[in-house]
Amino acid sequence: MNHYAGLDVSLEKTAICILNEDGVVIRELVVASDPAAIAQALYDVAPSFRRVGLEAGPLAPWLYAGIADLGLPAICIEVRQMRAFAKSSGRRNARAGRRRPGHRRRPP
């Protein structure tokens, strides 16, 4: 089964939302903003991922390289694209904000 993850990154913590291939949220968690901690949290939930996405930002190059080096299929998305997707999704709360990156990484 394909899994997708969206990362909402801040300087100290990263919120992770993991979806199955049907778009159903199977796990939400928060870990330290460190590639090893993120990879470990992801692999604890599912053995493989189709995409692991994060928004472009100050930590994006470091996190992208780190999680890619640990075998995860990392992708980075521009903030403008994420904002446009958020507007079209219609949800406006913190939980929806954490889930949006994961849904954005899933193919339609």
PDB file of N, CA and C in Angstrom:
ATOM      1  N   MET A   1       0.843  -1.179   0.000  1.00  0.00           N
ATOM      2  CA  MET A   1       0.000   0.000   0.000  1.00  0.00           C
ATOM      3  C   MET A   1       0.889   1.245   0.000  1.00  0.00           C
ATOM      4  N   ASN A   2       0.532   2.215  -0.823  1.00  0.00           N
ATOM      5  CA  ASN A   2       1.263   3.481  -0.876  1.00  0.00           C
ATOM      6  C   ASN A   2       0.878   4.366   0.296  1.00  0.00           C
ATOM      7  N   HIS A   3       1.866   5.034   0.851  1.00  0.00           N
ATOM      8  CA  HIS A   3       1.636   6.004   1.912  1.00  0.00           C
ATOM      9  C   HIS A   3       2.230   7.336   1.479  1.00  0.00           C
ATOM     10  N   TYR A   4       1.641   8.409   1.985  1.00  0.00           N
ATOM     11  CA  TYR A   4       2.075   9.761   1.690  1.00  0.00           C
ATOM     12  C   TYR A   4       2.210  10.488   3.008  1.00  0.00           C
ATOM     13  N   ALA A   5       3.194  11.393   3.089  1.00  0.00           N
ATOM     14  CA  ALA A   5       3.361  12.170   4.311  1.00  0.00           C
ATOM     15  C   ALA A   5       3.561  13.628   3.963  1.00  0.00           C
ATOM     16  N   GLY A   6       2.957  14.479   4.762  1.00  0.00           N
ATOM     17  CA  GLY A   6       3.148  15.916   4.655  1.00  0.00           C
ATOM     18  C   GLY A   6       3.809  16.406   5.921  1.00  0.00           C
ATOM     19  N   LEU A   7       4.814  17.253   5.767  1.00  0.00           N
ATOM     20  CA  LEU A   7       5.550  17.793   6.909  1.00  0.00           C
ATOM     21  C   LEU A   7       5.271  19.284   7.018  1.00  0.00           C
ATOM     22  N   ASP A   8       4.851  19.705   8.195  1.00  0.00           N
ATOM     23  CA  ASP A   8       4.661  21.123   8.491  1.00  0.00           C
ATOM     24  C   ASP A   8       5.799  21.499   9.432  1.00  0.00           C
ATOM     25  N   VAL A   9       6.816  22.158   8.888  1.00  0.00           N
ATOM     26  CA  VAL A   9       8.090  22.356   9.582  1.00  0.00           C
ATOM     27  C   VAL A   9       8.151  23.700  10.276  1.00  0.00           C
ATOM     28  N   SER A  10       8.629  23.691  11.524  1.00  0.00           N
ATOM     29  CA  SER A  10       9.018  24.913  12.222  1.00  0.00           C
ATOM     30  C   SER A  10      10.450  24.692  12.712  1.00  0.00           C
ATOM     31  N   LEU A  11      11.023  25.669  13.343  1.00  0.00           N
ATOM     32  CA  LEU A  11      12.433  25.554  13.736  1.00  0.00           C
ATOM     33  C   LEU A  11      12.702  24.415  14.713  1.00  0.00           C
ATOM     34  N   GLU A  12      11.808  24.198  15.653  1.00  0.00           N
ATOM     35  CA  GLU A  12      12.051  23.172  16.675  1.00  0.00           C
ATOM     36  C   GLU A  12      11.269  21.879  16.448  1.00  0.00           C
ATOM     37  N   LYS A  13      10.052  21.978  15.963  1.00  0.00           N
ATOM     38  CA  LYS A  13       9.175  20.809  15.817  1.00  0.00           C
ATOM     39  C   LYS A  13       8.638  20.698  14.396  1.00  0.00           C
ATOM     40  N   THR A  14       8.355  19.474  13.992  1.00  0.00           N
ATOM     41  CA  THR A  14       7.740  19.205  12.690  1.00  0.00           C
ATOM     42  C   THR A  14       6.493  18.366  12.906  1.00  0.00           C
ATOM     43  N   ALA A  15       5.354  18.876  12.432  1.00  0.00           N
ATOM     44  CA  ALA A  15       4.102  18.121  12.481  1.00  0.00           C
ATOM     45  C   ALA A  15       4.048  17.241  11.236  1.00  0.00           C
ATOM     46  N   ILE A  16       3.710  15.982  11.427  1.00  0.00           N
ATOM     47  CA  ILE A  16       3.658  15.015  10.343  1.00  0.00           C
ATOM     48  C   ILE A  16       2.241  14.473  10.216  1.00  0.00           C
ATOM     49  N   CYS A  17       1.746  14.417   8.995  1.00  0.00           N
ATOM     50  CA  CYS A  17       0.461  13.802   8.708  1.00  0.00           C
ATOM     51  C   CYS A  17       0.710  12.701   7.683  1.00  0.00           C
ATOM     52  N   ILE A  18       0.318  11.465   8.020  1.00  0.00           N
ATOM     53  CA  ILE A  18       0.534  10.316   7.142  1.00  0.00           C
ATOM     54  C   ILE A  18      -0.820   9.833   6.631  1.00  0.00           C
ATOM     55  N   LEU A  19      -0.895   9.686   5.304  1.00  0.00           N
ATOM     56  CA  LEU A  19      -2.125   9.265   4.642  1.00  0.00           C
ATOM     57  C   LEU A  19      -1.894   7.950   3.918  1.00  0.00           C
ATOM     58  N   ASN A  20      -2.970   7.165   3.781  1.00  0.00           N
ATOM     59  CA  ASN A  20      -2.864   5.987   2.923  1.00  0.00           C
ATOM     60  C   ASN A  20      -3.199   6.409   1.501  1.00  0.00           C
ATOM     61  N   GLU A  21      -3.201   5.469   0.560  1.00  0.00           N
ATOM     62  CA  GLU A  21      -3.415   5.826  -0.841  1.00  0.00           C
ATOM     63  C   GLU A  21      -4.832   6.311  -1.133  1.00  0.00           C
ATOM     64  N   ASP A  22      -5.758   6.074  -0.220  1.00  0.00           N
ATOM     65  CA  ASP A  22      -7.131   6.556  -0.379  1.00  0.00           C
ATOM     66  C   ASP A  22      -7.329   7.947   0.207  1.00  0.00           C
ATOM     67  N   GLY A  23      -6.270   8.520   0.789  1.00  0.00           N
ATOM     68  CA  GLY A  23      -6.362   9.844   1.387  1.00  0.00           C
ATOM     69  C   GLY A  23      -6.856   9.846   2.813  1.00  0.00           C
ATOM     70  N   VAL A  24      -6.938   8.680   3.436  1.00  0.00           N
ATOM     71  CA  VAL A  24      -7.385   8.578   4.818  1.00  0.00           C
ATOM     72  C   VAL A  24      -6.184   8.813   5.742  1.00  0.00           C
ATOM     73  N   VAL A  25      -6.354   9.702   6.709  1.00  0.00           N
ATOM     74  CA  VAL A  25      -5.282   9.972   7.665  1.00  0.00           C
ATOM     75  C   VAL A  25      -5.110   8.754   8.560  1.00  0.00           C
ATOM     76  N   ILE A  26      -3.896   8.212   8.585  1.00  0.00           N
ATOM     77  CA  ILE A  26      -3.661   7.056   9.450  1.00  0.00           C
ATOM     78  C   ILE A  26      -2.859   7.421  10.691  1.00  0.00           C
ATOM     79  N   ARG A  27      -2.173   8.570  10.665  1.00  0.00           N
ATOM     80  CA  ARG A  27      -1.424   8.970  11.859  1.00  0.00           C
ATOM     81  C   ARG A  27      -1.023  10.431  11.745  1.00  0.00           C
ATOM     82  N   GLU A  28      -1.107  11.154  12.847  1.00  0.00           N
ATOM     83  CA  GLU A  28      -0.596  12.518  12.972  1.00  0.00           C
ATOM     84  C   GLU A  28       0.299  12.548  14.194  1.00  0.00           C
ATOM     85  N   LEU A  29       1.461  13.135  14.052  1.00  0.00           N
ATOM     86  CA  LEU A  29       2.387  13.206  15.171  1.00  0.00           C
ATOM     87  C   LEU A  29       3.298  14.408  15.030  1.00  0.00           C
ATOM     88  N   VAL A  30       3.999  14.729  16.100  1.00  0.00           N
ATOM     89  CA  VAL A  30       4.944  15.839  16.120  1.00  0.00           C
ATOM     90  C   VAL A  30       6.279  15.307  16.612  1.00  0.00           C
ATOM     91  N   VAL A  31       7.353  15.668  15.883  1.00  0.00           N
ATOM     92  CA  VAL A  31       8.700  15.233  16.237  1.00  0.00           C
ATOM     93  C   VAL A  31       9.639  16.430  16.140  1.00  0.00           C
ATOM     94  N   ALA A  32      10.877  16.243  16.573  1.00  0.00           N
ATOM     95  CA  ALA A  32      11.888  17.279  16.441  1.00  0.00           C
ATOM     96  C   ALA A  32      12.171  17.535  14.965  1.00  0.00           C
ATOM     97  N   SER A  33      12.515  18.765  14.628  1.00  0.00           N
ATOM     98  CA  SER A  33      12.841  19.117  13.241  1.00  0.00           C
ATOM     99  C   SER A  33      14.262  18.678  12.915  1.00  0.00           C
ATOM    100  N   ASP A  34      14.409  17.383  12.757  1.00  0.00           N
ATOM    101  CA  ASP A  34      15.700  16.758  12.471  1.00  0.00           C
ATOM    102  C   ASP A  34      15.449  15.618  11.494  1.00  0.00           C
ATOM    103  N   PRO A  35      16.247  15.498  10.428  1.00  0.00           N
ATOM    104  CA  PRO A  35      15.996  14.449   9.439  1.00  0.00           C
ATOM    105  C   PRO A  35      15.913  13.044  10.031  1.00  0.00           C
ATOM    106  N   ALA A  36      16.792  12.714  10.958  1.00  0.00           N
ATOM    107  CA  ALA A  36      16.781  11.365  11.547  1.00  0.00           C
ATOM    108  C   ALA A  36      15.512  11.122  12.357  1.00  0.00           C
ATOM    109  N   ALA A  37      15.074  12.114  13.115  1.00  0.00           N
ATOM    110  CA  ALA A  37      13.858  11.970  13.923  1.00  0.00           C
ATOM    111  C   ALA A  37      12.628  11.838  13.024  1.00  0.00           C
ATOM    112  N   ILE A  38      12.598  12.605  11.953  1.00  0.00           N
ATOM    113  CA  ILE A  38      11.473  12.541  11.013  1.00  0.00           C
ATOM    114  C   ILE A  38      11.433  11.181  10.328  1.00  0.00           C
ATOM    115  N   ALA A  39      12.581  10.729   9.829  1.00  0.00           N
ATOM    116  CA  ALA A  39      12.640   9.432   9.145  1.00  0.00           C
ATOM    117  C   ALA A  39      12.243   8.300  10.084  1.00  0.00           C
ATOM    118  N   GLN A  40      12.731   8.319  11.311  1.00  0.00           N
ATOM    119  CA  GLN A  40      12.397   7.272  12.276  1.00  0.00           C
ATOM    120  C   GLN A  40      10.893   7.246  12.549  1.00  0.00           C
ATOM    121  N   ALA A  41      10.300   8.429  12.730  1.00  0.00           N
ATOM    122  CA  ALA A  41       8.856   8.501  12.987  1.00  0.00           C
ATOM    123  C   ALA A  41       8.070   7.946  11.802  1.00  0.00           C
ATOM    124  N   LEU A  42       8.492   8.266  10.595  1.00  0.00           N
ATOM    125  CA  LEU A  42       7.797   7.776   9.406  1.00  0.00           C
ATOM    126  C   LEU A  42       7.923   6.265   9.274  1.00  0.00           C
ATOM    127  N   TYR A  43       9.135   5.755   9.415  1.00  0.00           N
ATOM    128  CA  TYR A  43       9.343   4.307   9.281  1.00  0.00           C
ATOM    129  C   TYR A  43       8.671   3.511  10.404  1.00  0.00           C
ATOM    130  N   ASP A  44       8.452   4.139  11.563  1.00  0.00           N
ATOM    131  CA  ASP A  44       7.729   3.467  12.652  1.00  0.00           C
ATOM    132  C   ASP A  44       6.259   3.233  12.286  1.00  0.00           C
ATOM    133  N   VAL A  45       5.715   4.076  11.414  1.00  0.00           N
ATOM    134  CA  VAL A  45       4.305   3.979  11.039  1.00  0.00           C
ATOM    135  C   VAL A  45       4.100   3.110   9.805  1.00  0.00           C
ATOM    136  N   ALA A  46       4.957   3.273   8.801  1.00  0.00           N
ATOM    137  CA  ALA A  46       4.795   2.524   7.542  1.00  0.00           C
ATOM    138  C   ALA A  46       6.166   2.179   6.965  1.00  0.00           C
ATOM    139  N   PRO A  47       6.272   1.035   6.298  1.00  0.00           N
ATOM    140  CA  PRO A  47       7.568   0.604   5.773  1.00  0.00           C
ATOM    141  C   PRO A  47       8.033   1.364   4.529  1.00  0.00           C
ATOM    142  N   SER A  48       7.083   1.918   3.774  1.00  0.00           N
ATOM    143  CA  SER A  48       7.486   2.619   2.554  1.00  0.00           C
ATOM    144  C   SER A  48       6.530   3.769   2.258  1.00  0.00           C
ATOM    145  N   PHE A  49       7.055   4.758   1.552  1.00  0.00           N
ATOM    146  CA  PHE A  49       6.285   5.947   1.204  1.00  0.00           C
ATOM    147  C   PHE A  49       6.435   6.241  -0.278  1.00  0.00           C
ATOM    148  N   ARG A  50       5.356   6.714  -0.862  1.00  0.00           N
ATOM    149  CA  ARG A  50       5.378   7.138  -2.266  1.00  0.00           C
ATOM    150  C   ARG A  50       5.946   8.551  -2.371  1.00  0.00           C
ATOM    151  N   ARG A  51       5.527   9.422  -1.444  1.00  0.00           N
ATOM    152  CA  ARG A  51       6.025  10.798  -1.385  1.00  0.00           C
ATOM    153  C   ARG A  51       6.043  11.287   0.049  1.00  0.00           C
ATOM    154  N   VAL A  52       7.051  12.082   0.344  1.00  0.00           N
ATOM    155  CA  VAL A  52       7.139  12.788   1.619  1.00  0.00           C
ATOM    156  C   VAL A  52       7.424  14.241   1.257  1.00  0.00           C
ATOM    157  N   GLY A  53       6.458  15.106   1.524  1.00  0.00           N
ATOM    158  CA  GLY A  53       6.594  16.482   1.067  1.00  0.00           C
ATOM    159  C   GLY A  53       6.690  17.491   2.179  1.00  0.00           C
ATOM    160  N   LEU A  54       7.403  18.553   1.883  1.00  0.00           N
ATOM    161  CA  LEU A  54       7.511  19.662   2.807  1.00  0.00           C
ATOM    162  C   LEU A  54       7.499  20.960   2.026  1.00  0.00           C
ATOM    163  N   GLU A  55       7.061  22.024   2.693  1.00  0.00           N
ATOM    164  CA  GLU A  55       7.034  23.334   2.068  1.00  0.00           C
ATOM    165  C   GLU A  55       8.435  23.914   2.041  1.00  0.00           C
ATOM    166  N   ALA A  56       8.704  24.701   0.997  1.00  0.00           N
ATOM    167  CA  ALA A  56       9.973  25.406   0.923  1.00  0.00           C
ATOM    168  C   ALA A  56      10.058  26.387   2.094  1.00  0.00           C
ATOM    169  N   GLY A  57      11.200  26.466   2.714  1.00  0.00           N
ATOM    170  CA  GLY A  57      11.405  27.360   3.850  1.00  0.00           C
ATOM    171  C   GLY A  57      12.854  27.304   4.276  1.00  0.00           C
ATOM    172  N   PRO A  58      13.190  27.957   5.384  1.00  0.00           N
ATOM    173  CA  PRO A  58      14.586  28.033   5.809  1.00  0.00           C
ATOM    174  C   PRO A  58      15.245  26.677   6.063  1.00  0.00           C
ATOM    175  N   LEU A  59      14.503  25.712   6.582  1.00  0.00           N
ATOM    176  CA  LEU A  59      15.077  24.397   6.879  1.00  0.00           C
ATOM    177  C   LEU A  59      14.922  23.396   5.733  1.00  0.00           C
ATOM    178  N   ALA A  60      14.198  23.776   4.690  1.00  0.00           N
ATOM    179  CA  ALA A  60      13.871  22.834   3.616  1.00  0.00           C
ATOM    180  C   ALA A  60      15.088  22.185   2.955  1.00  0.00           C
ATOM    181  N   PRO A  61      16.134  22.934   2.576  1.00  0.00           N
ATOM    182  CA  PRO A  61      17.268  22.267   1.917  1.00  0.00           C
ATOM    183  C   PRO A  61      17.926  21.204   2.805  1.00  0.00           C
ATOM    184  N   TRP A  62      18.098  21.517   4.071  1.00  0.00           N
ATOM    185  CA  TRP A  62      18.731  20.588   5.013  1.00  0.00           C
ATOM    186  C   TRP A  62      17.836  19.371   5.257  1.00  0.00           C
ATOM    187  N   LEU A  63      16.556  19.609   5.529  1.00  0.00           N
ATOM    188  CA  LEU A  63      15.641  18.490   5.770  1.00  0.00           C
ATOM    189  C   LEU A  63      15.446  17.643   4.518  1.00  0.00           C
ATOM    190  N   TYR A  64      15.298  18.301   3.376  1.00  0.00           N
ATOM    191  CA  TYR A  64      15.117  17.579   2.114  1.00  0.00           C
ATOM    192  C   TYR A  64      16.294  16.629   1.877  1.00  0.00           C
ATOM    193  N   ALA A  65      17.501  17.148   1.952  1.00  0.00           N
ATOM    194  CA  ALA A  65      18.696  16.322   1.731  1.00  0.00           C
ATOM    195  C   ALA A  65      18.795  15.215   2.772  1.00  0.00           C
ATOM    196  N   GLY A  66      18.511  15.540   4.017  1.00  0.00           N
ATOM    197  CA  GLY A  66      18.619  14.560   5.097  1.00  0.00           C
ATOM    198  C   GLY A  66      17.648  13.415   4.976  1.00  0.00           C
ATOM    199  N   ILE A  67      16.378  13.707   4.698  1.00  0.00           N
ATOM    200  CA  ILE A  67      15.417  12.608   4.611  1.00  0.00           C
ATOM    201  C   ILE A  67      15.575  11.837   3.305  1.00  0.00           C
ATOM    202  N   ALA A  68      16.027  12.512   2.239  1.00  0.00           N
ATOM    203  CA  ALA A  68      16.302  11.799   0.988  1.00  0.00           C
ATOM    204  C   ALA A  68      17.480  10.837   1.175  1.00  0.00           C
ATOM    205  N   ASP A  69      18.514  11.280   1.894  1.00  0.00           N
ATOM    206  CA  ASP A  69      19.664  10.416   2.177  1.00  0.00           C
ATOM    207  C   ASP A  69      19.270   9.198   3.013  1.00  0.00           C
ATOM    208  N   LEU A  70      18.182   9.315   3.764  1.00  0.00           N
ATOM    209  CA  LEU A  70      17.714   8.203   4.599  1.00  0.00           C
ATOM    210  C   LEU A  70      16.701   7.321   3.861  1.00  0.00           C
ATOM    211  N   GLY A  71      16.603   7.505   2.560  1.00  0.00           N
ATOM    212  CA  GLY A  71      15.792   6.612   1.735  1.00  0.00           C
ATOM    213  C   GLY A  71      14.344   7.001   1.521  1.00  0.00           C
ATOM    214  N   LEU A  72      13.965   8.205   1.902  1.00  0.00           N
ATOM    215  CA  LEU A  72      12.577   8.643   1.722  1.00  0.00           C
ATOM    216  C   LEU A  72      12.450   9.499   0.463  1.00  0.00           C
ATOM    217  N   PRO A  73      11.357   9.331  -0.291  1.00  0.00           N
ATOM    218  CA  PRO A  73      11.163  10.080  -1.535  1.00  0.00           C
ATOM    219  C   PRO A  73      10.675  11.509  -1.262  1.00  0.00           C
ATOM    220  N   ALA A  74      11.595  12.374  -0.912  1.00  0.00           N
ATOM    221  CA  ALA A  74      11.262  13.736  -0.524  1.00  0.00           C
ATOM    222  C   ALA A  74      10.944  14.603  -1.733  1.00  0.00           C
ATOM    223  N   ILE A  75       9.951  15.469  -1.554  1.00  0.00           N
ATOM    224  CA  ILE A  75       9.656  16.504  -2.539  1.00  0.00           C
ATOM    225  C   ILE A  75       9.440  17.803  -1.775  1.00  0.00           C
ATOM    226  N   CYS A  76       9.705  18.902  -2.451  1.00  0.00           N
ATOM    227  CA  CYS A  76       9.546  20.213  -1.834  1.00  0.00           C
ATOM    228  C   CYS A  76       8.554  21.000  -2.684  1.00  0.00           C
ATOM    229  N   ILE A  77       7.680  21.752  -2.029  1.00  0.00           N
ATOM    230  CA  ILE A  77       6.654  22.512  -2.743  1.00  0.00           C
ATOM    231  C   ILE A  77       6.775  23.982  -2.354  1.00  0.00           C
ATOM    232  N   GLU A  78       6.570  24.843  -3.336  1.00  0.00           N
ATOM    233  CA  GLU A  78       6.638  26.278  -3.102  1.00  0.00           C
ATOM    234  C   GLU A  78       5.465  26.735  -2.237  1.00  0.00           C
ATOM    235  N   VAL A  79       5.707  27.734  -1.425  1.00  0.00           N
ATOM    236  CA  VAL A  79       4.683  28.254  -0.520  1.00  0.00           C
ATOM    237  C   VAL A  79       3.476  28.775  -1.299  1.00  0.00           C
ATOM    238  N   ARG A  80       3.710  29.422  -2.433  1.00  0.00           N
ATOM    239  CA  ARG A  80       2.595  29.941  -3.237  1.00  0.00           C
ATOM    240  C   ARG A  80       1.667  28.818  -3.689  1.00  0.00           C
ATOM    241  N   GLN A  81       2.237  27.687  -4.107  1.00  0.00           N
ATOM    242  CA  GLN A  81       1.418  26.555  -4.539  1.00  0.00           C
ATOM    243  C   GLN A  81       0.618  26.004  -3.366  1.00  0.00           C
ATOM    244  N   MET A  82       1.250  25.928  -2.198  1.00  0.00           N
ATOM    245  CA  MET A  82       0.560  25.411  -1.021  1.00  0.00           C
ATOM    246  C   MET A  82      -0.574  26.344  -0.614  1.00  0.00           C
ATOM    247  N   ARG A  83      -0.344  27.641  -0.699  1.00  0.00           N
ATOM    248  CA  ARG A  83      -1.375  28.618  -0.352  1.00  0.00           C
ATOM    249  C   ARG A  83      -2.580  28.485  -1.285  1.00  0.00           C
ATOM    250  N   ALA A  84      -2.319  28.304  -2.584  1.00  0.00           N
ATOM    251  CA  ALA A  84      -3.406  28.142  -3.550  1.00  0.00           C
ATOM    252  C   ALA A  84      -4.190  26.865  -3.256  1.00  0.00           C
ATOM    253  N   PHE A  85      -3.483  25.793  -2.919  1.00  0.00           N
ATOM    254  CA  PHE A  85      -4.161  24.543  -2.572  1.00  0.00           C
ATOM    255  C   PHE A  85      -4.996  24.716  -1.310  1.00  0.00           C
ATOM    256  N   ALA A  86      -4.456  25.436  -0.318  1.00  0.00           N
ATOM    257  CA  ALA A  86      -5.178  25.658   0.931  1.00  0.00           C
ATOM    258  C   ALA A  86      -6.475  26.429   0.679  1.00  0.00           C
ATOM    259  N   LYS A  87      -6.414  27.429  -0.187  1.00  0.00           N
ATOM    260  CA  LYS A  87      -7.621  28.199  -0.496  1.00  0.00           C
ATOM    261  C   LYS A  87      -8.680  27.316  -1.134  1.00  0.00           C
ATOM    262  N   SER A  88      -8.267  26.424  -2.006  1.00  0.00           N
ATOM    263  CA  SER A  88      -9.234  25.584  -2.709  1.00  0.00           C
ATOM    264  C   SER A  88      -9.804  24.478  -1.832  1.00  0.00           C
ATOM    265  N   SER A  89      -9.108  24.125  -0.735  1.00  0.00           N
ATOM    266  CA  SER A  89      -9.581  23.029   0.110  1.00  0.00           C
ATOM    267  C   SER A  89     -10.726  23.447   1.025  1.00  0.00           C
ATOM    268  N   GLY A  90     -10.841  24.747   1.326  1.00  0.00           N
ATOM    269  CA  GLY A  90     -11.967  25.232   2.105  1.00  0.00           C
ATOM    270  C   GLY A  90     -11.863  25.048   3.610  1.00  0.00           C
ATOM    271  N   ARG A  91     -10.896  24.308   4.095  1.00  0.00           N
ATOM    272  CA  ARG A  91     -10.773  24.095   5.540  1.00  0.00           C
ATOM    273  C   ARG A  91      -9.879  25.163   6.141  1.00  0.00           C
ATOM    274  N   ARG A  92     -10.243  25.636   7.340  1.00  0.00           N
ATOM    275  CA  ARG A  92      -9.506  26.740   7.941  1.00  0.00           C
ATOM    276  C   ARG A  92      -9.220  26.511   9.421  1.00  0.00           C
ATOM    277  N   ASN A  93      -8.616  25.396   9.776  1.00  0.00           N
ATOM    278  CA  ASN A  93      -8.251  25.197  11.172  1.00  0.00           C
ATOM    279  C   ASN A  93      -6.889  24.529  11.261  1.00  0.00           C
ATOM    280  N   ALA A  94      -6.347  24.418  12.463  1.00  0.00           N
ATOM    281  CA  ALA A  94      -4.993  23.896  12.641  1.00  0.00           C
ATOM    282  C   ALA A  94      -4.859  22.453  12.163  1.00  0.00           C
ATOM    283  N   ARG A  95      -5.846  21.620  12.477  1.00  0.00           N
ATOM    284  CA  ARG A  95      -5.768  20.217  12.053  1.00  0.00           C
ATOM    285  C   ARG A  95      -5.776  20.121  10.526  1.00  0.00           C
ATOM    286  N   ALA A  96      -6.630  20.873   9.880  1.00  0.00           N
ATOM    287  CA  ALA A  96      -6.656  20.874   8.409  1.00  0.00           C
ATOM    288  C   ALA A  96      -5.330  21.385   7.868  1.00  0.00           C
ATOM    289  N   GLY A  97      -4.730  22.349   8.542  1.00  0.00           N
ATOM    290  CA  GLY A  97      -3.428  22.868   8.127  1.00  0.00           C
ATOM    291  C   GLY A  97      -2.351  21.811   8.166  1.00  0.00           C
ATOM    292  N   ARG A  98      -2.400  20.926   9.143  1.00  0.00           N
ATOM    293  CA  ARG A  98      -1.413  19.839   9.220  1.00  0.00           C
ATOM    294  C   ARG A  98      -1.666  18.802   8.143  1.00  0.00           C
ATOM    295  N   ARG A  99      -2.918  18.592   7.808  1.00  0.00           N
ATOM    296  CA  ARG A  99      -3.256  17.557   6.827  1.00  0.00           C
ATOM    297  C   ARG A  99      -3.031  18.005   5.389  1.00  0.00           C
ATOM    298  N   ARG A 100      -3.130  19.296   5.135  1.00  0.00           N
ATOM    299  CA  ARG A 100      -3.033  19.810   3.777  1.00  0.00           C
ATOM    300  C   ARG A 100      -1.772  19.364   3.042  1.00  0.00           C
ATOM    301  N   PRO A 101      -0.566  19.454   3.646  1.00  0.00           N
ATOM    302  CA  PRO A 101       0.625  19.025   2.905  1.00  0.00           C
ATOM    303  C   PRO A 101       0.568  17.569   2.464  1.00  0.00           C
ATOM    304  N   GLY A 102       0.023  16.696   3.280  1.00  0.00           N
ATOM    305  CA  GLY A 102      -0.080  15.293   2.904  1.00  0.00           C
ATOM    306  C   GLY A 102      -1.032  15.093   1.739  1.00  0.00           C
ATOM    307  N   HIS A 103      -2.172  15.760   1.760  1.00  0.00           N
ATOM    308  CA  HIS A 103      -3.129  15.654   0.665  1.00  0.00           C
ATOM    309  C   HIS A 103      -2.559  16.258  -0.610  1.00  0.00           C
ATOM    310  N   ARG A 104      -1.764  17.283  -0.472  1.00  0.00           N
ATOM    311  CA  ARG A 104      -1.186  17.952  -1.640  1.00  0.00           C
ATOM    312  C   ARG A 104      -0.194  17.021  -2.342  1.00  0.00           C
ATOM    313  N   ARG A 105       0.441  16.128  -1.611  1.00  0.00           N
ATOM    314  CA  ARG A 105       1.448  15.231  -2.183  1.00  0.00           C
ATOM    315  C   ARG A 105       0.820  14.030  -2.894  1.00  0.00           C
ATOM    316  N   ARG A 106      -0.452  13.736  -2.560  1.00  0.00           N
ATOM    317  CA  ARG A 106      -1.136  12.604  -3.168  1.00  0.00           C
ATOM    318  C   ARG A 106      -1.593  12.966  -4.567  1.00  0.00           C
ATOM    319  N   PRO A 107      -1.471  12.058  -5.530  1.00  0.00           N
ATOM    320  CA  PRO A 107      -2.018  12.341  -6.863  1.00  0.00           C
ATOM    321  C   PRO A 107      -3.544  12.366  -6.807  1.00  0.00           C
ATOM    322  N   PRO A 108      -4.171  13.128  -7.718  1.00  0.00           N
ATOM    323  CA  PRO A 108      -5.639  13.228  -7.703  1.00  0.00           C
ATOM    324  C   PRO A 108      -6.318  11.912  -7.998  1.00  0.00           C
TER     325      PRO A 108
END
